[in-house]
């Protein structure tokens, strides 16, 4: 058993799709119309992951106060440096996780204001 996708609230699907494909190497699995409202079914795949990412509609562009997803990366420091170089907002710099000594964590905001955690393995 596995989780097929995690839902991520977004305000602008095109902006979010560009953010995840350009900054986190996601591949577009689906981008299909969902009827008259203009909303589309957009589903992305992270490299080497089983769980995909699916965009759901957010009522406004207000940033999320709490982390939405935890993304695991082999090199948090390098990923943060790469995101910074692309102008991504870093909320917290890489540091040891207070709840798990030896594990590195950092936080950033995506194009939709979602607060995301990067954690080492």
PDB file of N, CA and C in Angstrom:
ATOM      1  N   UNK A   1       0.839  -1.166   0.000  1.00  0.00           N
ATOM      2  CA  UNK A   1       0.000   0.000   0.000  1.00  0.00           C
ATOM      3  C   UNK A   1       0.892   1.240   0.000  1.00  0.00           C
ATOM      4  N   UNK A   2       0.412   2.308  -0.657  1.00  0.00           N
ATOM      5  CA  UNK A   2       1.113   3.591  -0.649  1.00  0.00           C
ATOM      6  C   UNK A   2       0.101   4.716  -0.834  1.00  0.00           C
ATOM      7  N   UNK A   3       0.532   5.932  -0.563  1.00  0.00           N
ATOM      8  CA  UNK A   3      -0.306   7.107  -0.775  1.00  0.00           C
ATOM      9  C   UNK A   3      -0.124   7.537  -2.224  1.00  0.00           C
ATOM     10  N   UNK A   4      -1.232   7.683  -2.964  1.00  0.00           N
ATOM     11  CA  UNK A   4      -1.146   8.049  -4.376  1.00  0.00           C
ATOM     12  C   UNK A   4      -0.699   9.492  -4.559  1.00  0.00           C
ATOM     13  N   UNK A   5      -1.340  10.430  -3.849  1.00  0.00           N
ATOM     14  CA  UNK A   5      -0.931  11.822  -3.950  1.00  0.00           C
ATOM     15  C   UNK A   5      -1.272  12.578  -2.679  1.00  0.00           C
ATOM     16  N   UNK A   6      -0.548  13.656  -2.478  1.00  0.00           N
ATOM     17  CA  UNK A   6      -0.820  14.594  -1.391  1.00  0.00           C
ATOM     18  C   UNK A   6      -1.419  15.832  -2.039  1.00  0.00           C
ATOM     19  N   UNK A   7      -2.447  16.398  -1.413  1.00  0.00           N
ATOM     20  CA  UNK A   7      -3.088  17.585  -1.965  1.00  0.00           C
ATOM     21  C   UNK A   7      -2.421  18.842  -1.424  1.00  0.00           C
ATOM     22  N   UNK A   8      -2.118  19.767  -2.316  1.00  0.00           N
ATOM     23  CA  UNK A   8      -1.448  21.009  -1.959  1.00  0.00           C
ATOM     24  C   UNK A   8      -2.320  22.183  -2.392  1.00  0.00           C
ATOM     25  N   UNK A   9      -2.704  23.060  -1.450  1.00  0.00           N
ATOM     26  CA  UNK A   9      -3.547  24.199  -1.820  1.00  0.00           C
ATOM     27  C   UNK A   9      -2.754  25.249  -2.599  1.00  0.00           C
ATOM     28  N   UNK A  10      -3.277  25.624  -3.749  1.00  0.00           N
ATOM     29  CA  UNK A  10      -2.642  26.644  -4.580  1.00  0.00           C
ATOM     30  C   UNK A  10      -3.682  27.639  -5.068  1.00  0.00           C
ATOM     31  N   UNK A  11      -3.224  28.846  -5.350  1.00  0.00           N
ATOM     32  CA  UNK A  11      -4.092  29.896  -5.868  1.00  0.00           C
ATOM     33  C   UNK A  11      -3.953  30.005  -7.389  1.00  0.00           C
ATOM     34  N   UNK A  12      -2.735  29.790  -7.893  1.00  0.00           N
ATOM     35  CA  UNK A  12      -2.441  29.918  -9.324  1.00  0.00           C
ATOM     36  C   UNK A  12      -1.765  28.620  -9.782  1.00  0.00           C
ATOM     37  N   UNK A  13      -2.506  27.798 -10.503  1.00  0.00           N
ATOM     38  CA  UNK A  13      -1.986  26.486 -10.909  1.00  0.00           C
ATOM     39  C   UNK A  13      -0.761  26.588 -11.821  1.00  0.00           C
ATOM     40  N   UNK A  14      -0.765  27.515 -12.757  1.00  0.00           N
ATOM     41  CA  UNK A  14       0.367  27.633 -13.669  1.00  0.00           C
ATOM     42  C   UNK A  14       1.635  28.064 -12.931  1.00  0.00           C
ATOM     43  N   UNK A  15       1.485  29.033 -12.035  1.00  0.00           N
ATOM     44  CA  UNK A  15       2.634  29.496 -11.239  1.00  0.00           C
ATOM     45  C   UNK A  15       3.166  28.363 -10.363  1.00  0.00           C
ATOM     46  N   UNK A  16       2.269  27.611  -9.725  1.00  0.00           N
ATOM     47  CA  UNK A  16       2.681  26.494  -8.865  1.00  0.00           C
ATOM     48  C   UNK A  16       3.352  25.390  -9.686  1.00  0.00           C
ATOM     49  N   UNK A  17       2.784  25.073 -10.835  1.00  0.00           N
ATOM     50  CA  UNK A  17       3.367  24.035 -11.690  1.00  0.00           C
ATOM     51  C   UNK A  17       4.780  24.440 -12.110  1.00  0.00           C
ATOM     52  N   UNK A  18       4.966  25.689 -12.496  1.00  0.00           N
ATOM     53  CA  UNK A  18       6.295  26.161 -12.886  1.00  0.00           C
ATOM     54  C   UNK A  18       7.259  26.093 -11.706  1.00  0.00           C
ATOM     55  N   UNK A  19       6.801  26.473 -10.512  1.00  0.00           N
ATOM     56  CA  UNK A  19       7.669  26.431  -9.334  1.00  0.00           C
ATOM     57  C   UNK A  19       8.186  25.015  -9.086  1.00  0.00           C
ATOM     58  N   UNK A  20       7.293  24.036  -9.075  1.00  0.00           N
ATOM     59  CA  UNK A  20       7.692  22.670  -8.738  1.00  0.00           C
ATOM     60  C   UNK A  20       8.482  21.980  -9.847  1.00  0.00           C
ATOM     61  N   UNK A  21       8.204  22.298 -11.100  1.00  0.00           N
ATOM     62  CA  UNK A  21       8.993  21.690 -12.172  1.00  0.00           C
ATOM     63  C   UNK A  21      10.361  22.362 -12.290  1.00  0.00           C
ATOM     64  N   UNK A  22      10.412  23.683 -12.139  1.00  0.00           N
ATOM     65  CA  UNK A  22      11.679  24.412 -12.287  1.00  0.00           C
ATOM     66  C   UNK A  22      12.609  24.278 -11.080  1.00  0.00           C
ATOM     67  N   UNK A  23      12.056  24.266  -9.863  1.00  0.00           N
ATOM     68  CA  UNK A  23      12.883  24.290  -8.653  1.00  0.00           C
ATOM     69  C   UNK A  23      13.096  22.930  -7.999  1.00  0.00           C
ATOM     70  N   UNK A  24      12.154  22.013  -8.164  1.00  0.00           N
ATOM     71  CA  UNK A  24      12.266  20.730  -7.471  1.00  0.00           C
ATOM     72  C   UNK A  24      12.224  19.530  -8.425  1.00  0.00           C
ATOM     73  N   UNK A  25      12.417  19.788  -9.708  1.00  0.00           N
ATOM     74  CA  UNK A  25      12.537  18.747 -10.739  1.00  0.00           C
ATOM     75  C   UNK A  25      11.328  17.820 -10.832  1.00  0.00           C
ATOM     76  N   UNK A  26      10.150  18.317 -10.490  1.00  0.00           N
ATOM     77  CA  UNK A  26       8.938  17.499 -10.624  1.00  0.00           C
ATOM     78  C   UNK A  26       8.580  17.338 -12.099  1.00  0.00           C
ATOM     79  N   UNK A  27       7.940  16.212 -12.404  1.00  0.00           N
ATOM     80  CA  UNK A  27       7.442  15.960 -13.747  1.00  0.00           C
ATOM     81  C   UNK A  27       5.925  16.044 -13.723  1.00  0.00           C
ATOM     82  N   UNK A  28       5.346  16.596 -14.785  1.00  0.00           N
ATOM     83  CA  UNK A  28       3.891  16.700 -14.894  1.00  0.00           C
ATOM     84  C   UNK A  28       3.340  15.334 -15.294  1.00  0.00           C
ATOM     85  N   UNK A  29       2.490  14.777 -14.432  1.00  0.00           N
ATOM     86  CA  UNK A  29       1.842  13.496 -14.697  1.00  0.00           C
ATOM     87  C   UNK A  29       0.504  13.724 -15.397  1.00  0.00           C
ATOM     88  N   UNK A  30      -0.211  14.770 -14.966  1.00  0.00           N
ATOM     89  CA  UNK A  30      -1.505  15.100 -15.567  1.00  0.00           C
ATOM     90  C   UNK A  30      -1.728  16.597 -15.500  1.00  0.00           C
ATOM     91  N   UNK A  31      -2.366  17.123 -16.525  1.00  0.00           N
ATOM     92  CA  UNK A  31      -2.813  18.517 -16.550  1.00  0.00           C
ATOM     93  C   UNK A  31      -4.026  18.544 -17.468  1.00  0.00           C
ATOM     94  N   UNK A  32      -5.194  18.286 -16.877  1.00  0.00           N
ATOM     95  CA  UNK A  32      -6.433  18.126 -17.634  1.00  0.00           C
ATOM     96  C   UNK A  32      -7.525  19.048 -17.106  1.00  0.00           C
ATOM     97  N   UNK A  33      -8.368  19.529 -17.995  1.00  0.00           N
ATOM     98  CA  UNK A  33      -9.507  20.360 -17.618  1.00  0.00           C
ATOM     99  C   UNK A  33     -10.453  19.569 -16.708  1.00  0.00           C
ATOM    100  N   UNK A  34     -11.061  20.298 -15.760  1.00  0.00           N
ATOM    101  CA  UNK A  34     -12.024  19.653 -14.841  1.00  0.00           C
ATOM    102  C   UNK A  34     -13.395  20.304 -14.958  1.00  0.00           C
ATOM    103  N   UNK A  35     -13.774  20.732 -16.131  1.00  0.00           N
ATOM    104  CA  UNK A  35     -15.110  21.293 -16.313  1.00  0.00           C
ATOM    105  C   UNK A  35     -15.089  22.770 -16.599  1.00  0.00           C
ATOM    106  N   UNK A  36     -16.218  23.429 -16.309  1.00  0.00           N
ATOM    107  CA  UNK A  36     -16.442  24.811 -16.707  1.00  0.00           C
ATOM    108  C   UNK A  36     -15.695  25.860 -15.882  1.00  0.00           C
ATOM    109  N   UNK A  37     -15.318  25.566 -14.671  1.00  0.00           N
ATOM    110  CA  UNK A  37     -14.740  26.574 -13.782  1.00  0.00           C
ATOM    111  C   UNK A  37     -13.334  27.015 -14.126  1.00  0.00           C
ATOM    112  N   UNK A  38     -12.679  26.364 -15.078  1.00  0.00           N
ATOM    113  CA  UNK A  38     -11.320  26.714 -15.435  1.00  0.00           C
ATOM    114  C   UNK A  38     -10.257  26.002 -14.604  1.00  0.00           C
ATOM    115  N   UNK A  39     -10.682  25.311 -13.544  1.00  0.00           N
ATOM    116  CA  UNK A  39      -9.731  24.570 -12.704  1.00  0.00           C
ATOM    117  C   UNK A  39      -9.336  23.301 -13.424  1.00  0.00           C
ATOM    118  N   UNK A  40      -8.081  22.905 -13.255  1.00  0.00           N
ATOM    119  CA  UNK A  40      -7.578  21.708 -13.928  1.00  0.00           C
ATOM    120  C   UNK A  40      -7.109  20.689 -12.900  1.00  0.00           C
ATOM    121  N   UNK A  41      -7.071  19.439 -13.307  1.00  0.00           N
ATOM    122  CA  UNK A  41      -6.448  18.384 -12.508  1.00  0.00           C
ATOM    123  C   UNK A  41      -4.974  18.418 -12.869  1.00  0.00           C
ATOM    124  N   UNK A  42      -4.149  18.926 -11.944  1.00  0.00           N
ATOM    125  CA  UNK A  42      -2.706  18.977 -12.147  1.00  0.00           C
ATOM    126  C   UNK A  42      -2.077  18.056 -11.115  1.00  0.00           C
ATOM    127  N   UNK A  43      -1.316  17.099 -11.608  1.00  0.00           N
ATOM    128  CA  UNK A  43      -0.643  16.139 -10.732  1.00  0.00           C
ATOM    129  C   UNK A  43       0.822  16.065 -11.148  1.00  0.00           C
ATOM    130  N   UNK A  44       1.712  16.179 -10.168  1.00  0.00           N
ATOM    131  CA  UNK A  44       3.152  16.173 -10.416  1.00  0.00           C
ATOM    132  C   UNK A  44       3.819  15.021  -9.676  1.00  0.00           C
ATOM    133  N   UNK A  45       4.941  14.560 -10.212  1.00  0.00           N
ATOM    134  CA  UNK A  45       5.710  13.497  -9.569  1.00  0.00           C
ATOM    135  C   UNK A  45       7.089  14.032  -9.189  1.00  0.00           C
ATOM    136  N   UNK A  46       7.472  13.796  -7.934  1.00  0.00           N
ATOM    137  CA  UNK A  46       8.828  14.097  -7.489  1.00  0.00           C
ATOM    138  C   UNK A  46       9.750  12.982  -7.984  1.00  0.00           C
ATOM    139  N   UNK A  47      11.007  13.300  -8.308  1.00  0.00           N
ATOM    140  CA  UNK A  47      11.937  12.254  -8.724  1.00  0.00           C
ATOM    141  C   UNK A  47      12.066  11.172  -7.647  1.00  0.00           C
ATOM    142  N   UNK A  48      11.976   9.934  -8.043  1.00  0.00           N
ATOM    143  CA  UNK A  48      12.178   8.760  -7.181  1.00  0.00           C
ATOM    144  C   UNK A  48      11.142   8.624  -6.057  1.00  0.00           C
ATOM    145  N   UNK A  49      10.016   9.295  -6.152  1.00  0.00           N
ATOM    146  CA  UNK A  49       8.987   9.210  -5.107  1.00  0.00           C
ATOM    147  C   UNK A  49       7.800   8.381  -5.588  1.00  0.00           C
ATOM    148  N   UNK A  50       7.105   7.772  -4.648  1.00  0.00           N
ATOM    149  CA  UNK A  50       5.901   7.007  -4.961  1.00  0.00           C
ATOM    150  C   UNK A  50       4.668   7.916  -4.905  1.00  0.00           C
ATOM    151  N   UNK A  51       4.662   8.851  -3.964  1.00  0.00           N
ATOM    152  CA  UNK A  51       3.526   9.749  -3.786  1.00  0.00           C
ATOM    153  C   UNK A  51       3.659  10.966  -4.700  1.00  0.00           C
ATOM    154  N   UNK A  52       2.598  11.259  -5.445  1.00  0.00           N
ATOM    155  CA  UNK A  52       2.567  12.427  -6.316  1.00  0.00           C
ATOM    156  C   UNK A  52       1.984  13.617  -5.572  1.00  0.00           C
ATOM    157  N   UNK A  53       2.013  14.773  -6.218  1.00  0.00           N
ATOM    158  CA  UNK A  53       1.482  16.008  -5.667  1.00  0.00           C
ATOM    159  C   UNK A  53       0.318  16.447  -6.537  1.00  0.00           C
ATOM    160  N   UNK A  54      -0.816  16.786  -5.922  1.00  0.00           N
ATOM    161  CA  UNK A  54      -2.014  17.225  -6.650  1.00  0.00           C
ATOM    162  C   UNK A  54      -2.438  18.583  -6.117  1.00  0.00           C
ATOM    163  N   UNK A  55      -2.715  19.533  -7.009  1.00  0.00           N
ATOM    164  CA  UNK A  55      -3.119  20.874  -6.603  1.00  0.00           C
ATOM    165  C   UNK A  55      -4.615  20.939  -6.340  1.00  0.00           C
ATOM    166  N   UNK A  56      -4.985  21.525  -5.191  1.00  0.00           N
ATOM    167  CA  UNK A  56      -6.382  21.828  -4.906  1.00  0.00           C
ATOM    168  C   UNK A  56      -6.512  23.343  -4.797  1.00  0.00           C
ATOM    169  N   UNK A  57      -7.722  23.833  -4.993  1.00  0.00           N
ATOM    170  CA  UNK A  57      -7.954  25.266  -5.017  1.00  0.00           C
ATOM    171  C   UNK A  57      -7.872  25.887  -3.627  1.00  0.00           C
ATOM    172  N   UNK A  58      -7.169  26.996  -3.537  1.00  0.00           N
ATOM    173  CA  UNK A  58      -7.087  27.795  -2.319  1.00  0.00           C
ATOM    174  C   UNK A  58      -7.943  29.042  -2.559  1.00  0.00           C
ATOM    175  N   UNK A  59      -8.681  29.464  -1.565  1.00  0.00           N
ATOM    176  CA  UNK A  59      -9.604  30.587  -1.708  1.00  0.00           C
ATOM    177  C   UNK A  59      -8.892  31.907  -1.986  1.00  0.00           C
ATOM    178  N   UNK A  60      -7.690  32.086  -1.439  1.00  0.00           N
ATOM    179  CA  UNK A  60      -6.961  33.335  -1.641  1.00  0.00           C
ATOM    180  C   UNK A  60      -5.464  33.054  -1.651  1.00  0.00           C
ATOM    181  N   UNK A  61      -4.694  34.112  -1.821  1.00  0.00           N
ATOM    182  CA  UNK A  61      -3.240  33.950  -1.938  1.00  0.00           C
ATOM    183  C   UNK A  61      -2.509  34.084  -0.603  1.00  0.00           C
ATOM    184  N   UNK A  62      -3.232  34.050   0.514  1.00  0.00           N
ATOM    185  CA  UNK A  62      -2.603  34.199   1.830  1.00  0.00           C
ATOM    186  C   UNK A  62      -1.656  33.028   2.102  1.00  0.00           C
ATOM    187  N   UNK A  63      -0.450  33.317   2.598  1.00  0.00           N
ATOM    188  CA  UNK A  63       0.503  32.237   2.882  1.00  0.00           C
ATOM    189  C   UNK A  63       0.062  31.381   4.062  1.00  0.00           C
ATOM    190  N   UNK A  64       0.457  30.122   4.040  1.00  0.00           N
ATOM    191  CA  UNK A  64       0.104  29.211   5.131  1.00  0.00           C
ATOM    192  C   UNK A  64       1.022  29.465   6.328  1.00  0.00           C
ATOM    193  N   UNK A  65       0.456  29.550   7.530  1.00  0.00           N
ATOM    194  CA  UNK A  65       1.279  29.805   8.712  1.00  0.00           C
ATOM    195  C   UNK A  65       2.057  28.566   9.173  1.00  0.00           C
ATOM    196  N   UNK A  66       1.538  27.395   8.894  1.00  0.00           N
ATOM    197  CA  UNK A  66       2.161  26.146   9.347  1.00  0.00           C
ATOM    198  C   UNK A  66       2.688  25.354   8.156  1.00  0.00           C
ATOM    199  N   UNK A  67       3.687  24.509   8.383  1.00  0.00           N
ATOM    200  CA  UNK A  67       4.197  23.681   7.289  1.00  0.00           C
ATOM    201  C   UNK A  67       3.096  22.793   6.696  1.00  0.00           C
ATOM    202  N   UNK A  68       3.152  22.645   5.377  1.00  0.00           N
ATOM    203  CA  UNK A  68       2.163  21.869   4.647  1.00  0.00           C
ATOM    204  C   UNK A  68       2.689  20.470   4.329  1.00  0.00           C
ATOM    205  N   UNK A  69       3.949  20.376   3.902  1.00  0.00           N
ATOM    206  CA  UNK A  69       4.566  19.102   3.547  1.00  0.00           C
ATOM    207  C   UNK A  69       5.987  19.043   4.098  1.00  0.00           C
ATOM    208  N   UNK A  70       6.471  17.841   4.321  1.00  0.00           N
ATOM    209  CA  UNK A  70       7.873  17.610   4.660  1.00  0.00           C
ATOM    210  C   UNK A  70       8.485  16.860   3.480  1.00  0.00           C
ATOM    211  N   UNK A  71       9.493  17.461   2.870  1.00  0.00           N
ATOM    212  CA  UNK A  71      10.184  16.852   1.744  1.00  0.00           C
ATOM    213  C   UNK A  71      11.539  16.358   2.234  1.00  0.00           C
ATOM    214  N   UNK A  72      11.877  15.114   1.941  1.00  0.00           N
ATOM    215  CA  UNK A  72      13.148  14.533   2.376  1.00  0.00           C
ATOM    216  C   UNK A  72      14.148  14.644   1.227  1.00  0.00           C
ATOM    217  N   UNK A  73      15.342  15.141   1.553  1.00  0.00           N
ATOM    218  CA  UNK A  73      16.372  15.362   0.552  1.00  0.00           C
ATOM    219  C   UNK A  73      17.710  14.845   1.089  1.00  0.00           C
ATOM    220  N   UNK A  74      18.536  14.295   0.225  1.00  0.00           N
ATOM    221  CA  UNK A  74      19.835  13.778   0.645  1.00  0.00           C
ATOM    222  C   UNK A  74      20.779  14.882   1.112  1.00  0.00           C
ATOM    223  N   UNK A  75      20.639  16.100   0.565  1.00  0.00           N
ATOM    224  CA  UNK A  75      21.548  17.188   0.901  1.00  0.00           C
ATOM    225  C   UNK A  75      20.747  18.478   1.088  1.00  0.00           C
ATOM    226  N   UNK A  76      20.255  18.702   2.287  1.00  0.00           N
ATOM    227  CA  UNK A  76      19.416  19.861   2.588  1.00  0.00           C
ATOM    228  C   UNK A  76      20.168  21.158   2.313  1.00  0.00           C
ATOM    229  N   UNK A  77      21.434  21.237   2.718  1.00  0.00           N
ATOM    230  CA  UNK A  77      22.201  22.464   2.519  1.00  0.00           C
ATOM    231  C   UNK A  77      22.316  22.807   1.036  1.00  0.00           C
ATOM    232  N   UNK A  78      22.622  21.824   0.204  1.00  0.00           N
ATOM    233  CA  UNK A  78      22.745  22.064  -1.239  1.00  0.00           C
ATOM    234  C   UNK A  78      21.401  22.452  -1.840  1.00  0.00           C
ATOM    235  N   UNK A  79      20.330  21.812  -1.404  1.00  0.00           N
ATOM    236  CA  UNK A  79      18.995  22.141  -1.923  1.00  0.00           C
ATOM    237  C   UNK A  79      18.621  23.579  -1.545  1.00  0.00           C
ATOM    238  N   UNK A  80      18.897  23.970  -0.306  1.00  0.00           N
ATOM    239  CA  UNK A  80      18.597  25.338   0.127  1.00  0.00           C
ATOM    240  C   UNK A  80      19.420  26.335  -0.700  1.00  0.00           C
ATOM    241  N   UNK A  81      20.683  26.045  -0.925  1.00  0.00           N
ATOM    242  CA  UNK A  81      21.525  26.932  -1.739  1.00  0.00           C
ATOM    243  C   UNK A  81      20.967  27.066  -3.154  1.00  0.00           C
ATOM    244  N   UNK A  82      20.510  25.957  -3.726  1.00  0.00           N
ATOM    245  CA  UNK A  82      19.924  25.976  -5.065  1.00  0.00           C
ATOM    246  C   UNK A  82      18.640  26.802  -5.099  1.00  0.00           C
ATOM    247  N   UNK A  83      17.788  26.621  -4.092  1.00  0.00           N
ATOM    248  CA  UNK A  83      16.538  27.386  -4.024  1.00  0.00           C
ATOM    249  C   UNK A  83      16.818  28.877  -3.851  1.00  0.00           C
ATOM    250  N   UNK A  84      17.774  29.210  -2.981  1.00  0.00           N
ATOM    251  CA  UNK A  84      18.155  30.621  -2.770  1.00  0.00           C
ATOM    252  C   UNK A  84      18.620  31.246  -4.077  1.00  0.00           C
ATOM    253  N   UNK A  85      19.446  30.517  -4.820  1.00  0.00           N
ATOM    254  CA  UNK A  85      19.983  31.027  -6.078  1.00  0.00           C
ATOM    255  C   UNK A  85      18.869  31.328  -7.082  1.00  0.00           C
ATOM    256  N   UNK A  86      17.730  30.650  -6.928  1.00  0.00           N
ATOM    257  CA  UNK A  86      16.585  30.866  -7.819  1.00  0.00           C
ATOM    258  C   UNK A  86      15.595  31.873  -7.241  1.00  0.00           C
ATOM    259  N   UNK A  87      15.959  32.493  -6.108  1.00  0.00           N
ATOM    260  CA  UNK A  87      15.109  33.525  -5.534  1.00  0.00           C
ATOM    261  C   UNK A  87      13.990  33.031  -4.648  1.00  0.00           C
ATOM    262  N   UNK A  88      14.031  31.758  -4.244  1.00  0.00           N
ATOM    263  CA  UNK A  88      12.992  31.192  -3.384  1.00  0.00           C
ATOM    264  C   UNK A  88      13.186  31.700  -1.955  1.00  0.00           C
ATOM    265  N   UNK A  89      12.083  32.048  -1.287  1.00  0.00           N
ATOM    266  CA  UNK A  89      12.138  32.533   0.094  1.00  0.00           C
ATOM    267  C   UNK A  89      12.486  31.382   1.036  1.00  0.00           C
ATOM    268  N   UNK A  90      13.580  31.535   1.768  1.00  0.00           N
ATOM    269  CA  UNK A  90      13.983  30.559   2.776  1.00  0.00           C
ATOM    270  C   UNK A  90      13.474  31.075   4.117  1.00  0.00           C
ATOM    271  N   UNK A  91      12.646  30.282   4.791  1.00  0.00           N
ATOM    272  CA  UNK A  91      12.058  30.683   6.074  1.00  0.00           C
ATOM    273  C   UNK A  91      13.034  30.409   7.208  1.00  0.00           C
ATOM    274  N   UNK A  92      13.637  29.226   7.224  1.00  0.00           N
ATOM    275  CA  UNK A  92      14.672  28.895   8.205  1.00  0.00           C
ATOM    276  C   UNK A  92      15.832  28.223   7.486  1.00  0.00           C
ATOM    277  N   UNK A  93      17.023  28.624   7.850  1.00  0.00           N
ATOM    278  CA  UNK A  93      18.247  28.049   7.284  1.00  0.00           C
ATOM    279  C   UNK A  93      18.432  26.627   7.809  1.00  0.00           C
ATOM    280  N   UNK A  94      19.238  25.809   7.123  1.00  0.00           N
ATOM    281  CA  UNK A  94      19.500  24.458   7.606  1.00  0.00           C
ATOM    282  C   UNK A  94      20.039  24.466   9.036  1.00  0.00           C
ATOM    283  N   UNK A  95      19.468  23.594   9.840  1.00  0.00           N
ATOM    284  CA  UNK A  95      19.858  23.472  11.251  1.00  0.00           C
ATOM    285  C   UNK A  95      19.485  22.079  11.742  1.00  0.00           C
ATOM    286  N   UNK A  96      20.023  21.718  12.886  1.00  0.00           N
ATOM    287  CA  UNK A  96      19.687  20.417  13.452  1.00  0.00           C
ATOM    288  C   UNK A  96      18.246  20.443  13.955  1.00  0.00           C
ATOM    289  N   UNK A  97      17.510  19.386  13.657  1.00  0.00           N
ATOM    290  CA  UNK A  97      16.117  19.293  14.101  1.00  0.00           C
ATOM    291  C   UNK A  97      16.080  19.137  15.622  1.00  0.00           C
ATOM    292  N   UNK A  98      15.362  20.021  16.326  1.00  0.00           N
ATOM    293  CA  UNK A  98      15.318  19.928  17.785  1.00  0.00           C
ATOM    294  C   UNK A  98      14.666  18.639  18.276  1.00  0.00           C
ATOM    295  N   UNK A  99      13.838  18.029  17.454  1.00  0.00           N
ATOM    296  CA  UNK A  99      13.144  16.809  17.852  1.00  0.00           C
ATOM    297  C   UNK A  99      13.885  15.545  17.439  1.00  0.00           C
ATOM    298  N   UNK A 100      14.961  15.702  16.619  1.00  0.00           N
ATOM    299  CA  UNK A 100      15.710  14.528  16.166  1.00  0.00           C
ATOM    300  C   UNK A 100      17.171  14.902  15.927  1.00  0.00           C
ATOM    301  N   UNK A 101      18.001  14.825  16.974  1.00  0.00           N
ATOM    302  CA  UNK A 101      19.421  15.163  16.821  1.00  0.00           C
ATOM    303  C   UNK A 101      20.060  14.375  15.673  1.00  0.00           C
ATOM    304  N   UNK A 102      20.885  15.089  14.902  1.00  0.00           N
ATOM    305  CA  UNK A 102      21.553  14.458  13.773  1.00  0.00           C
ATOM    306  C   UNK A 102      20.809  14.635  12.458  1.00  0.00           C
ATOM    307  N   UNK A 103      19.577  15.087  12.513  1.00  0.00           N
ATOM    308  CA  UNK A 103      18.788  15.311  11.293  1.00  0.00           C
ATOM    309  C   UNK A 103      18.764  16.808  10.991  1.00  0.00           C
ATOM    310  N   UNK A 104      19.043  17.160   9.740  1.00  0.00           N
ATOM    311  CA  UNK A 104      19.051  18.558   9.311  1.00  0.00           C
ATOM    312  C   UNK A 104      17.693  18.923   8.726  1.00  0.00           C
ATOM    313  N   UNK A 105      17.195  20.117   9.102  1.00  0.00           N
ATOM    314  CA  UNK A 105      15.932  20.620   8.556  1.00  0.00           C
ATOM    315  C   UNK A 105      16.081  22.081   8.150  1.00  0.00           C
ATOM    316  N   UNK A 106      15.262  22.511   7.229  1.00  0.00           N
ATOM    317  CA  UNK A 106      15.160  23.903   6.800  1.00  0.00           C
ATOM    318  C   UNK A 106      13.732  24.095   6.296  1.00  0.00           C
ATOM    319  N   UNK A 107      13.331  25.344   6.127  1.00  0.00           N
ATOM    320  CA  UNK A 107      11.988  25.622   5.613  1.00  0.00           C
ATOM    321  C   UNK A 107      12.054  26.671   4.515  1.00  0.00           C
ATOM    322  N   UNK A 108      11.145  26.539   3.534  1.00  0.00           N
ATOM    323  CA  UNK A 108      11.028  27.525   2.462  1.00  0.00           C
ATOM    324  C   UNK A 108       9.553  27.710   2.126  1.00  0.00           C
ATOM    325  N   UNK A 109       9.260  28.751   1.359  1.00  0.00           N
ATOM    326  CA  UNK A 109       7.901  28.976   0.859  1.00  0.00           C
ATOM    327  C   UNK A 109       7.886  28.719  -0.639  1.00  0.00           C
ATOM    328  N   UNK A 110       6.837  28.043  -1.089  1.00  0.00           N
ATOM    329  CA  UNK A 110       6.686  27.836  -2.526  1.00  0.00           C
ATOM    330  C   UNK A 110       6.034  29.064  -3.153  1.00  0.00           C
ATOM    331  N   UNK A 111       5.729  29.002  -4.428  1.00  0.00           N
ATOM    332  CA  UNK A 111       5.160  30.139  -5.154  1.00  0.00           C
ATOM    333  C   UNK A 111       3.793  30.552  -4.632  1.00  0.00           C
ATOM    334  N   UNK A 112       3.112  29.650  -3.923  1.00  0.00           N
ATOM    335  CA  UNK A 112       1.764  29.916  -3.425  1.00  0.00           C
ATOM    336  C   UNK A 112       1.745  30.286  -1.946  1.00  0.00           C
ATOM    337  N   UNK A 113       2.931  30.448  -1.361  1.00  0.00           N
ATOM    338  CA  UNK A 113       3.016  30.818   0.048  1.00  0.00           C
ATOM    339  C   UNK A 113       2.944  29.640   1.000  1.00  0.00           C
ATOM    340  N   UNK A 114       2.921  28.422   0.470  1.00  0.00           N
ATOM    341  CA  UNK A 114       2.926  27.243   1.337  1.00  0.00           C
ATOM    342  C   UNK A 114       4.283  27.117   2.011  1.00  0.00           C
ATOM    343  N   UNK A 115       4.264  26.888   3.306  1.00  0.00           N
ATOM    344  CA  UNK A 115       5.500  26.703   4.077  1.00  0.00           C
ATOM    345  C   UNK A 115       5.863  25.225   4.009  1.00  0.00           C
ATOM    346  N   UNK A 116       7.052  24.940   3.508  1.00  0.00           N
ATOM    347  CA  UNK A 116       7.501  23.571   3.294  1.00  0.00           C
ATOM    348  C   UNK A 116       8.742  23.284   4.125  1.00  0.00           C
ATOM    349  N   UNK A 117       8.841  22.075   4.627  1.00  0.00           N
ATOM    350  CA  UNK A 117      10.011  21.641   5.396  1.00  0.00           C
ATOM    351  C   UNK A 117      10.871  20.759   4.493  1.00  0.00           C
ATOM    352  N   UNK A 118      12.175  21.007   4.501  1.00  0.00           N
ATOM    353  CA  UNK A 118      13.153  20.106   3.889  1.00  0.00           C
ATOM    354  C   UNK A 118      13.850  19.392   5.030  1.00  0.00           C
ATOM    355  N   UNK A 119      13.941  18.079   4.977  1.00  0.00           N
ATOM    356  CA  UNK A 119      14.574  17.301   6.047  1.00  0.00           C
ATOM    357  C   UNK A 119      15.543  16.298   5.424  1.00  0.00           C
ATOM    358  N   UNK A 120      16.653  16.086   6.116  1.00  0.00           N
ATOM    359  CA  UNK A 120      17.600  15.065   5.668  1.00  0.00           C
ATOM    360  C   UNK A 120      17.030  13.687   6.017  1.00  0.00           C
ATOM    361  N   UNK A 121      17.606  12.676   5.420  1.00  0.00           N
ATOM    362  CA  UNK A 121      17.149  11.297   5.654  1.00  0.00           C
ATOM    363  C   UNK A 121      17.414  10.860   7.064  1.00  0.00           C
TER     364      UNK A 121
END
